[in-house]
C-alpha atoms as a PDB file:
ATOM      1  CA  UNK A   1       4.176 -40.835-150.339  1.00  0.00           C
ATOM      2  CA  UNK A   2       3.589 -38.132-152.650  1.00  0.00           C
ATOM      3  CA  UNK A   3       6.199 -35.545-151.739  1.00  0.00           C
ATOM      4  CA  UNK A   4       6.424 -31.374-152.698  1.00  0.00           C
ATOM      5  CA  UNK A   5       7.155 -31.658-156.434  1.00  0.00           C
ATOM      6  CA  UNK A   6       3.967 -34.592-157.469  1.00  0.00           C
ATOM      7  CA  UNK A   7       2.198 -32.128-154.750  1.00  0.00           C
ATOM      8  CA  UNK A   8       2.907 -29.056-156.546  1.00  0.00           C
ATOM      9  CA  UNK A   9       2.573 -31.055-159.930  1.00  0.00           C
ATOM     10  CA  UNK A  10      -1.012 -31.776-159.245  1.00  0.00           C
ATOM     11  CA  UNK A  11      -1.912 -28.304-157.846  1.00  0.00           C
ATOM     12  CA  UNK A  12      -0.314 -26.473-160.906  1.00  0.00           C
ATOM     13  CA  UNK A  13      -2.652 -29.106-163.376  1.00  0.00           C
ATOM     14  CA  UNK A  14      -5.753 -28.531-161.262  1.00  0.00           C
ATOM     15  CA  UNK A  15      -5.250 -24.759-161.421  1.00  0.00           C
ATOM     16  CA  UNK A  16      -6.854 -24.254-165.356  1.00  0.00           C
ATOM     17  CA  UNK A  17     -10.071 -26.345-164.503  1.00  0.00           C
ATOM     18  CA  UNK A  18     -10.648 -25.289-160.892  1.00  0.00           C
ATOM     19  CA  UNK A  19      -9.802 -21.902-160.448  1.00  0.00           C
ATOM     20  CA  UNK A  20     -12.482 -19.110-160.985  1.00  0.00           C
ATOM     21  CA  UNK A  21     -14.885 -22.048-161.235  1.00  0.00           C
ATOM     22  CA  UNK A  22     -17.967 -21.826-159.305  1.00  0.00           C
ATOM     23  CA  UNK A  23     -18.580 -25.461-157.250  1.00  0.00           C
ATOM     24  CA  UNK A  24     -22.384 -26.476-157.953  1.00  0.00           C
ATOM     25  CA  UNK A  25     -22.202 -29.401-155.919  1.00  0.00           C
ATOM     26  CA  UNK A  26     -19.792 -30.841-153.637  1.00  0.00           C
ATOM     27  CA  UNK A  27     -20.500 -35.196-153.851  1.00  0.00           C
ATOM     28  CA  UNK A  28     -19.343 -36.808-150.736  1.00  0.00           C
ATOM     29  CA  UNK A  29     -19.641 -40.747-151.623  1.00  0.00           C
ATOM     30  CA  UNK A  30     -18.207 -42.102-147.971  1.00  0.00           C
ATOM     31  CA  UNK A  31     -18.203 -39.905-144.425  1.00  0.00           C
ATOM     32  CA  UNK A  32     -14.838 -40.359-144.106  1.00  0.00           C
ATOM     33  CA  UNK A  33     -10.903 -41.235-145.643  1.00  0.00           C
ATOM     34  CA  UNK A  34      -7.676 -41.369-143.054  1.00  0.00           C
ATOM     35  CA  UNK A  35     -10.374 -39.306-140.774  1.00  0.00           C
ATOM     36  CA  UNK A  36     -13.997 -38.210-141.017  1.00  0.00           C
ATOM     37  CA  UNK A  37     -14.570 -35.601-143.516  1.00  0.00           C
ATOM     38  CA  UNK A  38     -15.306 -32.146-141.957  1.00  0.00           C
ATOM     39  CA  UNK A  39     -18.557 -31.622-140.654  1.00  0.00           C
ATOM     40  CA  UNK A  40     -21.051 -30.129-142.949  1.00  0.00           C
ATOM     41  CA  UNK A  41     -18.119 -30.741-145.584  1.00  0.00           C
ATOM     42  CA  UNK A  42     -21.114 -30.401-148.300  1.00  0.00           C
ATOM     43  CA  UNK A  43     -23.235 -27.123-147.466  1.00  0.00           C
ATOM     44  CA  UNK A  44     -19.406 -25.280-146.415  1.00  0.00           C
ATOM     45  CA  UNK A  45     -18.342 -25.664-150.098  1.00  0.00           C
ATOM     46  CA  UNK A  46     -21.185 -25.987-152.403  1.00  0.00           C
ATOM     47  CA  UNK A  47     -21.948 -22.508-154.371  1.00  0.00           C
ATOM     48  CA  UNK A  48     -18.807 -21.260-153.311  1.00  0.00           C
ATOM     49  CA  UNK A  49     -16.321 -20.243-155.805  1.00  0.00           C
ATOM     50  CA  UNK A  50     -12.681 -21.166-156.173  1.00  0.00           C
ATOM     51  CA  UNK A  51     -10.531 -18.167-156.382  1.00  0.00           C
ATOM     52  CA  UNK A  52      -6.986 -20.175-156.106  1.00  0.00           C
ATOM     53  CA  UNK A  53      -5.116 -23.024-155.427  1.00  0.00           C
ATOM     54  CA  UNK A  54      -2.148 -23.201-153.558  1.00  0.00           C
ATOM     55  CA  UNK A  55       0.233 -25.490-151.902  1.00  0.00           C
ATOM     56  CA  UNK A  56       1.403 -25.865-148.668  1.00  0.00           C
ATOM     57  CA  UNK A  57       4.252 -28.158-147.770  1.00  0.00           C
ATOM     58  CA  UNK A  58       2.700 -31.203-149.183  1.00  0.00           C
ATOM     59  CA  UNK A  59      -0.454 -29.897-148.676  1.00  0.00           C
ATOM     60  CA  UNK A  60      -2.931 -28.923-151.099  1.00  0.00           C
ATOM     61  CA  UNK A  61      -4.965 -25.731-150.676  1.00  0.00           C
ATOM     62  CA  UNK A  62      -8.116 -24.676-152.435  1.00  0.00           C
ATOM     63  CA  UNK A  63      -8.691 -20.985-151.541  1.00  0.00           C
ATOM     64  CA  UNK A  64     -12.578 -20.352-151.695  1.00  0.00           C
ATOM     65  CA  UNK A  65     -14.725 -16.887-152.343  1.00  0.00           C
ATOM     66  CA  UNK A  66     -16.624 -17.305-148.327  1.00  0.00           C
ATOM     67  CA  UNK A  67     -13.098 -17.199-146.793  1.00  0.00           C
ATOM     68  CA  UNK A  68     -12.306 -20.598-146.213  1.00  0.00           C
ATOM     69  CA  UNK A  69      -9.423 -22.905-147.695  1.00  0.00           C
ATOM     70  CA  UNK A  70      -9.890 -26.641-148.289  1.00  0.00           C
ATOM     71  CA  UNK A  71      -7.020 -28.897-147.251  1.00  0.00           C
ATOM     72  CA  UNK A  72      -5.928 -31.866-148.926  1.00  0.00           C
ATOM     73  CA  UNK A  73      -3.336 -34.552-148.044  1.00  0.00           C
ATOM     74  CA  UNK A  74      -3.222 -37.278-151.038  1.00  0.00           C
ATOM     75  CA  UNK A  75      -1.766 -39.665-148.522  1.00  0.00           C
ATOM     76  CA  UNK A  76      -0.350 -43.004-150.086  1.00  0.00           C
ATOM     77  CA  UNK A  77      -2.699 -43.642-153.668  1.00  0.00           C
ATOM     78  CA  UNK A  78      -5.137 -40.566-154.108  1.00  0.00           C
ATOM     79  CA  UNK A  79      -5.429 -38.240-157.125  1.00  0.00           C
ATOM     80  CA  UNK A  80      -7.507 -35.853-158.839  1.00  0.00           C
ATOM     81  CA  UNK A  81      -8.887 -36.021-162.486  1.00  0.00           C
ATOM     82  CA  UNK A  82     -10.545 -34.267-164.332  1.00  0.00           C
ATOM     83  CA  UNK A  83     -13.978 -34.755-166.391  1.00  0.00           C
ATOM     84  CA  UNK A  84     -15.754 -32.733-169.115  1.00  0.00           C
ATOM     85  CA  UNK A  85     -18.252 -34.420-170.181  1.00  0.00           C
ATOM     86  CA  UNK A  86     -18.431 -38.545-171.231  1.00  0.00           C
ATOM     87  CA  UNK A  87     -14.599 -38.270-171.863  1.00  0.00           C
ATOM     88  CA  UNK A  88     -11.871 -38.576-169.323  1.00  0.00           C
ATOM     89  CA  UNK A  89      -8.369 -37.067-171.249  1.00  0.00           C
ATOM     90  CA  UNK A  90      -5.285 -38.700-170.206  1.00  0.00           C
ATOM     91  CA  UNK A  91      -2.782 -36.973-172.240  1.00  0.00           C
ATOM     92  CA  UNK A  92       1.072 -37.494-171.705  1.00  0.00           C
ATOM     93  CA  UNK A  93       3.928 -39.262-172.852  1.00  0.00           C
ATOM     94  CA  UNK A  94       3.865 -41.539-169.598  1.00  0.00           C
ATOM     95  CA  UNK A  95       0.711 -43.204-169.558  1.00  0.00           C
ATOM     96  CA  UNK A  96      -0.911 -44.759-166.478  1.00  0.00           C
ATOM     97  CA  UNK A  97      -3.927 -46.231-166.640  1.00  0.00           C
ATOM     98  CA  UNK A  98      -6.553 -44.680-163.736  1.00  0.00           C
ATOM     99  CA  UNK A  99      -8.858 -46.606-161.243  1.00  0.00           C
ATOM    100  CA  UNK A 100     -12.007 -46.908-162.983  1.00  0.00           C
ATOM    101  CA  UNK A 101     -13.823 -48.454-159.881  1.00  0.00           C
ATOM    102  CA  UNK A 102     -16.341 -45.805-158.816  1.00  0.00           C
ATOM    103  CA  UNK A 103     -16.083 -47.198-155.387  1.00  0.00           C
ATOM    104  CA  UNK A 104     -12.661 -45.608-154.807  1.00  0.00           C
ATOM    105  CA  UNK A 105     -14.241 -41.982-156.031  1.00  0.00           C
ATOM    106  CA  UNK A 106     -14.553 -40.885-152.802  1.00  0.00           C
ATOM    107  CA  UNK A 107     -15.351 -36.476-153.804  1.00  0.00           C
ATOM    108  CA  UNK A 108     -15.947 -35.287-156.732  1.00  0.00           C
ATOM    109  CA  UNK A 109     -16.684 -31.588-157.512  1.00  0.00           C
ATOM    110  CA  UNK A 110     -18.780 -30.653-159.901  1.00  0.00           C
ATOM    111  CA  UNK A 111     -18.439 -27.315-161.608  1.00  0.00           C
ATOM    112  CA  UNK A 112     -19.441 -24.712-163.825  1.00  0.00           C
ATOM    113  CA  UNK A 113     -16.996 -22.204-164.866  1.00  0.00           C
ATOM    114  CA  UNK A 114     -15.745 -21.168-168.278  1.00  0.00           C
ATOM    115  CA  UNK A 115     -15.833 -24.078-170.929  1.00  0.00           C
ATOM    116  CA  UNK A 116     -18.878 -25.268-169.318  1.00  0.00           C
ATOM    117  CA  UNK A 117     -19.449 -28.344-166.313  1.00  0.00           C
ATOM    118  CA  UNK A 118     -16.848 -30.627-165.661  1.00  0.00           C
ATOM    119  CA  UNK A 119     -16.091 -32.821-162.593  1.00  0.00           C
ATOM    120  CA  UNK A 120     -12.775 -33.059-160.758  1.00  0.00           C
ATOM    121  CA  UNK A 121     -12.983 -36.404-158.715  1.00  0.00           C
ATOM    122  CA  UNK A 122     -10.975 -37.081-156.006  1.00  0.00           C
ATOM    123  CA  UNK A 123      -9.980 -40.843-156.272  1.00  0.00           C
ATOM    124  CA  UNK A 124      -7.847 -43.152-153.251  1.00  0.00           C
ATOM    125  CA  UNK A 125      -7.663 -47.017-153.265  1.00  0.00           C
ATOM    126  CA  UNK A 126      -6.261 -46.748-149.991  1.00  0.00           C
ATOM    127  CA  UNK A 127      -8.238 -44.326-148.320  1.00  0.00           C
ATOM    128  CA  UNK A 128      -4.904 -42.220-146.700  1.00  0.00           C
ATOM    129  CA  UNK A 129      -5.018 -39.202-147.867  1.00  0.00           C
ATOM    130  CA  UNK A 130      -7.822 -36.303-146.341  1.00  0.00           C
ATOM    131  CA  UNK A 131      -9.819 -33.378-146.606  1.00  0.00           C
ATOM    132  CA  UNK A 132     -10.156 -30.710-144.222  1.00  0.00           C
ATOM    133  CA  UNK A 133     -11.672 -27.581-144.195  1.00  0.00           C
ATOM    134  CA  UNK A 134     -10.296 -23.710-142.021  1.00  0.00           C
ATOM    135  CA  UNK A 135     -10.514 -20.182-142.464  1.00  0.00           C
ATOM    136  CA  UNK A 136      -7.563 -18.854-144.682  1.00  0.00           C
ATOM    137  CA  UNK A 137      -6.539 -16.154-141.757  1.00  0.00           C
ATOM    138  CA  UNK A 138      -6.287 -18.933-139.171  1.00  0.00           C
ATOM    139  CA  UNK A 139      -4.084 -21.491-141.492  1.00  0.00           C
ATOM    140  CA  UNK A 140      -1.301 -21.072-139.533  1.00  0.00           C
ATOM    141  CA  UNK A 141      -2.808 -22.011-136.995  1.00  0.00           C
ATOM    142  CA  UNK A 142      -4.510 -25.580-138.557  1.00  0.00           C
ATOM    143  CA  UNK A 143      -3.124 -28.456-136.756  1.00  0.00           C
ATOM    144  CA  UNK A 144      -1.553 -30.206-140.366  1.00  0.00           C
ATOM    145  CA  UNK A 145       0.406 -26.528-141.044  1.00  0.00           C
ATOM    146  CA  UNK A 146       0.906 -25.565-137.489  1.00  0.00           C
ATOM    147  CA  UNK A 147       4.847 -25.371-136.720  1.00  0.00           C
ATOM    148  CA  UNK A 148       5.396 -26.001-140.781  1.00  0.00           C
ATOM    149  CA  UNK A 149       9.423 -24.899-141.536  1.00  0.00           C
ATOM    150  CA  UNK A 150      10.031 -22.842-144.348  1.00  0.00           C
ATOM    151  CA  UNK A 151       9.435 -23.881-148.253  1.00  0.00           C
ATOM    152  CA  UNK A 152      12.519 -25.233-149.944  1.00  0.00           C
ATOM    153  CA  UNK A 153      11.472 -23.117-152.645  1.00  0.00           C
ATOM    154  CA  UNK A 154      11.298 -20.176-151.267  1.00  0.00           C
ATOM    155  CA  UNK A 155      14.080 -17.168-149.844  1.00  0.00           C
ATOM    156  CA  UNK A 156      13.441 -17.915-146.145  1.00  0.00           C
ATOM    157  CA  UNK A 157      15.471 -20.935-146.513  1.00  0.00           C
ATOM    158  CA  UNK A 158      18.866 -20.167-146.466  1.00  0.00           C
ATOM    159  CA  UNK A 159      22.478 -21.566-144.687  1.00  0.00           C
ATOM    160  CA  UNK A 160      21.935 -19.252-141.686  1.00  0.00           C
ATOM    161  CA  UNK A 161      18.529 -20.033-140.951  1.00  0.00           C
ATOM    162  CA  UNK A 162      19.712 -23.388-141.287  1.00  0.00           C
ATOM    163  CA  UNK A 163      22.908 -23.383-139.083  1.00  0.00           C
ATOM    164  CA  UNK A 164      20.609 -22.327-136.263  1.00  0.00           C
ATOM    165  CA  UNK A 165      18.413 -25.075-136.449  1.00  0.00           C
ATOM    166  CA  UNK A 166      21.388 -28.037-137.007  1.00  0.00           C
ATOM    167  CA  UNK A 167      23.668 -26.065-134.285  1.00  0.00           C
ATOM    168  CA  UNK A 168      24.780 -28.502-132.113  1.00  0.00           C
ATOM    169  CA  UNK A 169      22.507 -31.411-133.235  1.00  0.00           C
ATOM    170  CA  UNK A 170      24.200 -35.064-133.225  1.00  0.00           C
ATOM    171  CA  UNK A 171      20.638 -35.709-135.421  1.00  0.00           C
ATOM    172  CA  UNK A 172      21.673 -37.630-138.941  1.00  0.00           C
ATOM    173  CA  UNK A 173      21.672 -35.146-141.569  1.00  0.00           C
ATOM    174  CA  UNK A 174      18.837 -37.059-143.435  1.00  0.00           C
ATOM    175  CA  UNK A 175      16.599 -36.955-140.416  1.00  0.00           C
ATOM    176  CA  UNK A 176      17.388 -32.894-139.806  1.00  0.00           C
ATOM    177  CA  UNK A 177      15.961 -32.569-143.324  1.00  0.00           C
ATOM    178  CA  UNK A 178      13.014 -34.878-143.062  1.00  0.00           C
ATOM    179  CA  UNK A 179      11.960 -33.074-140.009  1.00  0.00           C
ATOM    180  CA  UNK A 180       8.820 -30.853-141.284  1.00  0.00           C
ATOM    181  CA  UNK A 181       9.746 -27.802-138.428  1.00  0.00           C
ATOM    182  CA  UNK A 182      13.046 -27.725-139.738  1.00  0.00           C
ATOM    183  CA  UNK A 183      12.014 -27.676-143.968  1.00  0.00           C
ATOM    184  CA  UNK A 184       8.555 -28.351-145.081  1.00  0.00           C
ATOM    185  CA  UNK A 185       7.362 -30.784-147.539  1.00  0.00           C
ATOM    186  CA  UNK A 186      11.148 -32.387-148.014  1.00  0.00           C
ATOM    187  CA  UNK A 187      10.719 -36.535-148.468  1.00  0.00           C
ATOM    188  CA  UNK A 188      12.911 -39.093-148.562  1.00  0.00           C
ATOM    189  CA  UNK A 189      13.780 -39.045-152.318  1.00  0.00           C
ATOM    190  CA  UNK A 190      14.440 -35.972-152.918  1.00  0.00           C
ATOM    191  CA  UNK A 191      16.386 -35.774-149.523  1.00  0.00           C
ATOM    192  CA  UNK A 192      18.543 -38.968-150.899  1.00  0.00           C
ATOM    193  CA  UNK A 193      18.826 -36.494-154.396  1.00  0.00           C
ATOM    194  CA  UNK A 194      19.687 -33.056-152.270  1.00  0.00           C
ATOM    195  CA  UNK A 195      22.482 -34.898-150.033  1.00  0.00           C
ATOM    196  CA  UNK A 196      24.324 -36.440-153.135  1.00  0.00           C
ATOM    197  CA  UNK A 197      24.102 -33.393-155.163  1.00  0.00           C
ATOM    198  CA  UNK A 198      26.267 -31.488-152.276  1.00  0.00           C
ATOM    199  CA  UNK A 199      28.278 -35.024-151.741  1.00  0.00           C
ATOM    200  CA  UNK A 200      26.990 -35.051-147.974  1.00  0.00           C
ATOM    201  CA  UNK A 201      26.821 -38.214-146.217  1.00  0.00           C
ATOM    202  CA  UNK A 202      22.840 -38.928-144.605  1.00  0.00           C
ATOM    203  CA  UNK A 203      24.076 -40.434-141.451  1.00  0.00           C
ATOM    204  CA  UNK A 204      26.304 -37.180-140.805  1.00  0.00           C
ATOM    205  CA  UNK A 205      25.714 -35.282-137.637  1.00  0.00           C
ATOM    206  CA  UNK A 206      23.883 -32.252-138.694  1.00  0.00           C
ATOM    207  CA  UNK A 207      25.783 -30.354-136.514  1.00  0.00           C
ATOM    208  CA  UNK A 208      29.311 -30.333-138.105  1.00  0.00           C
ATOM    209  CA  UNK A 209      27.974 -28.355-140.664  1.00  0.00           C
ATOM    210  CA  UNK A 210      28.059 -25.493-138.493  1.00  0.00           C
ATOM    211  CA  UNK A 211      31.306 -23.341-136.846  1.00  0.00           C
ATOM    212  CA  UNK A 212      31.493 -22.945-133.398  1.00  0.00           C
ATOM    213  CA  UNK A 213      30.513 -19.373-133.333  1.00  0.00           C
ATOM    214  CA  UNK A 214      27.150 -20.580-135.094  1.00  0.00           C
ATOM    215  CA  UNK A 215      27.653 -19.312-138.826  1.00  0.00           C
ATOM    216  CA  UNK A 216      27.243 -21.665-141.496  1.00  0.00           C
ATOM    217  CA  UNK A 217      29.954 -23.510-143.123  1.00  0.00           C
ATOM    218  CA  UNK A 218      30.279 -23.558-147.103  1.00  0.00           C
ATOM    219  CA  UNK A 219      29.271 -27.317-147.407  1.00  0.00           C
ATOM    220  CA  UNK A 220      25.949 -25.860-145.585  1.00  0.00           C
ATOM    221  CA  UNK A 221      25.699 -22.907-148.147  1.00  0.00           C
ATOM    222  CA  UNK A 222      25.710 -25.378-150.864  1.00  0.00           C
ATOM    223  CA  UNK A 223      23.316 -28.312-149.266  1.00  0.00           C
ATOM    224  CA  UNK A 224      20.874 -25.577-149.594  1.00  0.00           C
ATOM    225  CA  UNK A 225      21.084 -25.020-153.097  1.00  0.00           C
ATOM    226  CA  UNK A 226      21.270 -28.627-153.828  1.00  0.00           C
ATOM    227  CA  UNK A 227      17.804 -28.703-151.955  1.00  0.00           C
ATOM    228  CA  UNK A 228      16.344 -26.127-154.030  1.00  0.00           C
ATOM    229  CA  UNK A 229      17.920 -27.194-157.930  1.00  0.00           C
ATOM    230  CA  UNK A 230      16.402 -31.215-157.035  1.00  0.00           C
ATOM    231  CA  UNK A 231      13.215 -29.828-155.960  1.00  0.00           C
ATOM    232  CA  UNK A 232      12.707 -27.360-158.855  1.00  0.00           C
ATOM    233  CA  UNK A 233      14.583 -30.018-161.250  1.00  0.00           C
ATOM    234  CA  UNK A 234      11.285 -32.534-160.413  1.00  0.00           C
ATOM    235  CA  UNK A 235       8.856 -30.078-160.719  1.00  0.00           C
ATOM    236  CA  UNK A 236      10.095 -29.174-163.940  1.00  0.00           C
ATOM    237  CA  UNK A 237       9.828 -33.026-164.957  1.00  0.00           C
ATOM    238  CA  UNK A 238       6.537 -33.137-163.044  1.00  0.00           C
ATOM    239  CA  UNK A 239       7.271 -35.170-160.134  1.00  0.00           C
ATOM    240  CA  UNK A 240       8.936 -38.805-159.611  1.00  0.00           C
ATOM    241  CA  UNK A 241       6.118 -40.470-160.213  1.00  0.00           C
ATOM    242  CA  UNK A 242       6.797 -43.440-158.264  1.00  0.00           C
ATOM    243  CA  UNK A 243       4.354 -46.379-157.374  1.00  0.00           C
ATOM    244  CA  UNK A 244       0.781 -44.484-157.665  1.00  0.00           C
ATOM    245  CA  UNK A 245       1.037 -40.999-158.144  1.00  0.00           C
ATOM    246  CA  UNK A 246       0.299 -39.649-161.652  1.00  0.00           C
ATOM    247  CA  UNK A 247      -0.324 -36.256-162.946  1.00  0.00           C
ATOM    248  CA  UNK A 248      -3.815 -34.852-162.990  1.00  0.00           C
ATOM    249  CA  UNK A 249      -3.925 -35.233-166.764  1.00  0.00           C
ATOM    250  CA  UNK A 250      -2.911 -39.300-166.748  1.00  0.00           C
ATOM    251  CA  UNK A 251       0.582 -38.262-167.249  1.00  0.00           C
ATOM    252  CA  UNK A 252       3.726 -39.930-165.375  1.00  0.00           C
ATOM    253  CA  UNK A 253       6.093 -37.463-164.674  1.00  0.00           C
ATOM    254  CA  UNK A 254       9.645 -38.941-165.592  1.00  0.00           C
ATOM    255  CA  UNK A 255      12.005 -37.221-163.094  1.00  0.00           C
ATOM    256  CA  UNK A 256      12.580 -40.664-161.996  1.00  0.00           C
ATOM    257  CA  UNK A 257      14.230 -41.698-165.021  1.00  0.00           C
ATOM    258  CA  UNK A 258      17.046 -39.241-164.091  1.00  0.00           C
ATOM    259  CA  UNK A 259      17.208 -39.998-160.093  1.00  0.00           C
ATOM    260  CA  UNK A 260      21.140 -40.020-159.738  1.00  0.00           C
ATOM    261  CA  UNK A 261      20.778 -41.786-156.461  1.00  0.00           C
ATOM    262  CA  UNK A 262      17.685 -43.093-155.539  1.00  0.00           C
ATOM    263  CA  UNK A 263      16.601 -46.703-156.125  1.00  0.00           C
ATOM    264  CA  UNK A 264      20.061 -47.246-157.690  1.00  0.00           C
ATOM    265  CA  UNK A 265      21.768 -49.981-155.333  1.00  0.00           C
ATOM    266  CA  UNK A 266      24.834 -51.612-156.734  1.00  0.00           C
ATOM    267  CA  UNK A 267      24.816 -48.715-159.280  1.00  0.00           C
ATOM    268  CA  UNK A 268      27.843 -46.753-160.389  1.00  0.00           C
ATOM    269  CA  UNK A 269      27.976 -43.117-159.071  1.00  0.00           C
ATOM    270  CA  UNK A 270      26.753 -40.767-161.627  1.00  0.00           C
ATOM    271  CA  UNK A 271      29.350 -38.491-160.205  1.00  0.00           C
ATOM    272  CA  UNK A 272      31.935 -37.357-162.850  1.00  0.00           C
ATOM    273  CA  UNK A 273      35.290 -39.104-161.644  1.00  0.00           C
ATOM    274  CA  UNK A 274      34.028 -40.964-158.571  1.00  0.00           C
ATOM    275  CA  UNK A 275      34.339 -44.066-159.446  1.00  0.00           C
ATOM    276  CA  UNK A 276      31.983 -45.982-156.280  1.00  0.00           C
ATOM    277  CA  UNK A 277      28.930 -47.954-155.974  1.00  0.00           C
ATOM    278  CA  UNK A 278      25.782 -46.527-154.850  1.00  0.00           C
ATOM    279  CA  UNK A 279      24.965 -48.227-151.469  1.00  0.00           C
ATOM    280  CA  UNK A 280      21.841 -48.331-149.449  1.00  0.00           C
ATOM    281  CA  UNK A 281      21.080 -48.473-145.521  1.00  0.00           C
ATOM    282  CA  UNK A 282      18.061 -48.171-143.521  1.00  0.00           C
ATOM    283  CA  UNK A 283      17.545 -45.176-141.781  1.00  0.00           C
ATOM    284  CA  UNK A 284      14.003 -44.688-139.125  1.00  0.00           C
ATOM    285  CA  UNK A 285      12.884 -47.461-141.258  1.00  0.00           C
ATOM    286  CA  UNK A 286      13.872 -45.716-144.783  1.00  0.00           C
ATOM    287  CA  UNK A 287      15.792 -46.899-147.319  1.00  0.00           C
ATOM    288  CA  UNK A 288      19.041 -44.425-147.884  1.00  0.00           C
ATOM    289  CA  UNK A 289      20.935 -44.548-151.020  1.00  0.00           C
ATOM    290  CA  UNK A 290      24.243 -42.483-151.087  1.00  0.00           C
ATOM    291  CA  UNK A 291      27.491 -42.895-152.575  1.00  0.00           C
ATOM    292  CA  UNK A 292      30.019 -43.781-149.411  1.00  0.00           C
ATOM    293  CA  UNK A 293      32.904 -42.470-152.072  1.00  0.00           C
ATOM    294  CA  UNK A 294      32.320 -39.112-153.083  1.00  0.00           C
ATOM    295  CA  UNK A 295      29.495 -38.134-149.889  1.00  0.00           C
ATOM    296  CA  UNK A 296      31.305 -37.404-146.497  1.00  0.00           C
END
């Protein structure tokens, strides 16, 4: 499942092609993905101008001049590609062949803007992604976005905030970070990496990072800093690009080549001077990678 850095990479890749362009026509080649497309979706979108692209948690947001916003989730295998003319350009150091089977091209935005006509195509072999549309002024009440916590890249995420959320909680630290009501957009890969950077055991109770008076301990401040840094590094690297995820230019990101703990079971810990070996456990059905020597 693409995580926040992957979606941010997609947003940045699509922005030059989509922002300011007019949607001449939205072509839907089926009636649903994970969920049915919104009623009259093509009519609500066709003829509108895209005024901006954004992201909330793992959702791509496409703002229209009508005051509406398209909400898109990539699911497990969804991706966008940009085509201009008969050629689809896929530059990059780590190239990955896209699906060429048109039966997986489910939604096509026919655009007109600076540089001429182009197509932005949503391809999703497994059809776990989806699209919705809502009034921009009511996005916070949309069922997919309602109740989400602060972004890990924003100033709202702080040790003081997490102390309020974690106080008295016996929930494992990893589970608390994956709870989208606590922090929006964090996923399994980057939580493992952030906990390793902060030297914190994933199974440790979240409440142990908070004092009896409700104040954040120093370890919680380190966790916030580690979370910010791992997300920033992954975005800079273009996302992890595991399995199906590829950037909008067709290239793979390269953050997976610098994983410190994720998917490194039985390999040496990369903490200088540690000497430990990465272990793997399963938490809530997901693999957790950590170093039992330096994560406490």
